[in-house]
Amino acid sequence: MNKRQALIAAALATVCAAGVGSATAAASATGDKEKCFGVAKAGQNDCAPSNGSHSCAGQGKTDMAATEWKYVAKGTCEKAGGKLTAPK
């Protein structure tokens, strides 16, 4: 195996490992956590906002934006000042 093949193999292994971790995180997130809108700090949102202004986690620009969400432990969202439903 030459250097190029080794680098490609390492990159593929990294991508595969990241995919497994994401699936595990998503599974645990739906089990004991809930989506909470309006509690994520800038850059700490978990995924795309409800208004579609960007498409990925960590891209929120303002603290506590109503459209940004973060997974929190079940039963703690509203106590933290968030909402369980996306704003209209």
C-alpha atoms as a PDB file:
ATOM      1  CA  MET A   1       0.000   0.000   0.000  1.00  0.00           C
ATOM      2  CA  ASN A   2       1.489   3.339  -0.979  1.00  0.00           C
ATOM      3  CA  LYS A   3       1.230   6.611   0.952  1.00  0.00           C
ATOM      4  CA  ARG A   4      -1.734   7.886  -1.070  1.00  0.00           C
ATOM      5  CA  GLN A   5      -3.773   4.723  -0.492  1.00  0.00           C
ATOM      6  CA  ALA A   6      -2.968   4.841   3.222  1.00  0.00           C
ATOM      7  CA  LEU A   7      -4.167   8.451   3.460  1.00  0.00           C
ATOM      8  CA  ILE A   8      -7.383   7.632   1.603  1.00  0.00           C
ATOM      9  CA  ALA A   9      -8.008   4.624   3.854  1.00  0.00           C
ATOM     10  CA  ALA A  10      -7.426   6.746   6.967  1.00  0.00           C
ATOM     11  CA  ALA A  11      -9.797   9.453   5.697  1.00  0.00           C
ATOM     12  CA  LEU A  12     -12.522   6.904   4.951  1.00  0.00           C
ATOM     13  CA  ALA A  13     -12.118   5.325   8.366  1.00  0.00           C
ATOM     14  CA  THR A  14     -12.503   8.750   9.989  1.00  0.00           C
ATOM     15  CA  VAL A  15     -15.656   9.507   8.010  1.00  0.00           C
ATOM     16  CA  CYS A  16     -17.163   6.131   8.878  1.00  0.00           C
ATOM     17  CA  ALA A  17     -16.360   6.537  12.555  1.00  0.00           C
ATOM     18  CA  ALA A  18     -17.914  10.019  12.588  1.00  0.00           C
ATOM     19  CA  GLY A  19     -21.076   8.640  10.984  1.00  0.00           C
ATOM     20  CA  VAL A  20     -21.446   5.980  13.673  1.00  0.00           C
ATOM     21  CA  GLY A  21     -20.957   8.574  16.409  1.00  0.00           C
ATOM     22  CA  SER A  22     -23.614  10.824  14.890  1.00  0.00           C
ATOM     23  CA  ALA A  23     -26.105   7.970  14.710  1.00  0.00           C
ATOM     24  CA  THR A  24     -25.433   7.118  18.347  1.00  0.00           C
ATOM     25  CA  ALA A  25     -25.833  10.750  19.391  1.00  0.00           C
ATOM     26  CA  ALA A  26     -29.107  11.020  17.492  1.00  0.00           C
ATOM     27  CA  ALA A  27     -30.428   7.839  19.078  1.00  0.00           C
ATOM     28  CA  SER A  28     -29.610   8.996  22.598  1.00  0.00           C
ATOM     29  CA  ALA A  29     -30.929  12.469  21.844  1.00  0.00           C
ATOM     30  CA  THR A  30     -34.357  11.128  21.026  1.00  0.00           C
ATOM     31  CA  GLY A  31     -34.431   8.838  24.057  1.00  0.00           C
ATOM     32  CA  ASP A  32     -33.783  11.067  27.076  1.00  0.00           C
ATOM     33  CA  LYS A  33     -33.562  14.491  25.456  1.00  0.00           C
ATOM     34  CA  GLU A  34     -35.858  16.887  23.652  1.00  0.00           C
ATOM     35  CA  LYS A  35     -35.479  19.701  21.117  1.00  0.00           C
ATOM     36  CA  CYS A  36     -35.575  23.050  22.881  1.00  0.00           C
ATOM     37  CA  PHE A  37     -35.961  26.268  20.884  1.00  0.00           C
ATOM     38  CA  GLY A  38     -34.541  29.562  22.123  1.00  0.00           C
ATOM     39  CA  VAL A  39     -31.860  28.324  24.519  1.00  0.00           C
ATOM     40  CA  ALA A  40     -28.799  27.835  22.302  1.00  0.00           C
ATOM     41  CA  LYS A  41     -25.937  30.295  22.565  1.00  0.00           C
ATOM     42  CA  ALA A  42     -24.297  31.600  19.385  1.00  0.00           C
ATOM     43  CA  GLY A  43     -22.403  28.778  17.682  1.00  0.00           C
ATOM     44  CA  GLN A  44     -23.812  26.101  19.995  1.00  0.00           C
ATOM     45  CA  ASN A  45     -27.030  25.131  18.184  1.00  0.00           C
ATOM     46  CA  ASP A  46     -27.478  21.428  17.439  1.00  0.00           C
ATOM     47  CA  CYS A  47     -28.739  21.634  13.849  1.00  0.00           C
ATOM     48  CA  ALA A  48     -30.463  23.809  11.249  1.00  0.00           C
ATOM     49  CA  PRO A  49     -32.952  26.366  12.627  1.00  0.00           C
ATOM     50  CA  SER A  50     -36.674  26.262  11.979  1.00  0.00           C
ATOM     51  CA  ASN A  51     -36.483  29.216   9.567  1.00  0.00           C
ATOM     52  CA  GLY A  52     -33.834  27.594   7.334  1.00  0.00           C
ATOM     53  CA  SER A  53     -31.327  30.466   7.552  1.00  0.00           C
ATOM     54  CA  HIS A  54     -28.430  27.964   7.617  1.00  0.00           C
ATOM     55  CA  SER A  55     -28.078  24.209   7.389  1.00  0.00           C
ATOM     56  CA  CYS A  56     -25.757  22.983  10.087  1.00  0.00           C
ATOM     57  CA  ALA A  57     -24.946  22.767  13.765  1.00  0.00           C
ATOM     58  CA  GLY A  58     -22.769  25.471  15.249  1.00  0.00           C
ATOM     59  CA  GLN A  59     -23.779  28.156  12.751  1.00  0.00           C
ATOM     60  CA  GLY A  60     -26.173  30.151  14.931  1.00  0.00           C
ATOM     61  CA  LYS A  61     -25.155  33.814  15.048  1.00  0.00           C
ATOM     62  CA  THR A  62     -26.989  35.097  18.131  1.00  0.00           C
ATOM     63  CA  ASP A  63     -27.574  33.889  21.664  1.00  0.00           C
ATOM     64  CA  MET A  64     -31.019  32.500  22.467  1.00  0.00           C
ATOM     65  CA  ALA A  65     -32.481  32.997  18.967  1.00  0.00           C
ATOM     66  CA  ALA A  66     -36.058  31.699  18.935  1.00  0.00           C
ATOM     67  CA  THR A  67     -35.482  29.643  15.760  1.00  0.00           C
ATOM     68  CA  GLU A  68     -32.281  27.947  16.954  1.00  0.00           C
ATOM     69  CA  TRP A  69     -32.550  24.778  19.003  1.00  0.00           C
ATOM     70  CA  LYS A  70     -30.456  22.510  21.174  1.00  0.00           C
ATOM     71  CA  TYR A  71     -31.088  19.087  22.695  1.00  0.00           C
ATOM     72  CA  VAL A  72     -31.674  19.310  26.445  1.00  0.00           C
ATOM     73  CA  ALA A  73     -32.659  16.760  29.085  1.00  0.00           C
ATOM     74  CA  LYS A  74     -36.380  15.971  29.021  1.00  0.00           C
ATOM     75  CA  GLY A  75     -38.382  18.235  31.274  1.00  0.00           C
ATOM     76  CA  THR A  76     -35.801  21.036  31.440  1.00  0.00           C
ATOM     77  CA  CYS A  77     -36.548  23.063  28.310  1.00  0.00           C
ATOM     78  CA  GLU A  78     -39.279  25.329  29.624  1.00  0.00           C
ATOM     79  CA  LYS A  79     -37.508  25.697  32.979  1.00  0.00           C
ATOM     80  CA  ALA A  80     -34.534  27.115  31.040  1.00  0.00           C
ATOM     81  CA  GLY A  81     -36.783  29.615  29.242  1.00  0.00           C
ATOM     82  CA  GLY A  82     -37.108  27.664  25.986  1.00  0.00           C
ATOM     83  CA  LYS A  83     -40.027  26.300  24.012  1.00  0.00           C
ATOM     84  CA  LEU A  84     -40.705  22.786  22.749  1.00  0.00           C
ATOM     85  CA  THR A  85     -42.210  24.024  19.472  1.00  0.00           C
ATOM     86  CA  ALA A  86     -40.661  26.111  16.727  1.00  0.00           C
ATOM     87  CA  PRO A  87     -41.842  29.709  16.374  1.00  0.00           C
ATOM     88  CA  LYS A  88     -44.211  30.481  13.489  1.00  0.00           C
END
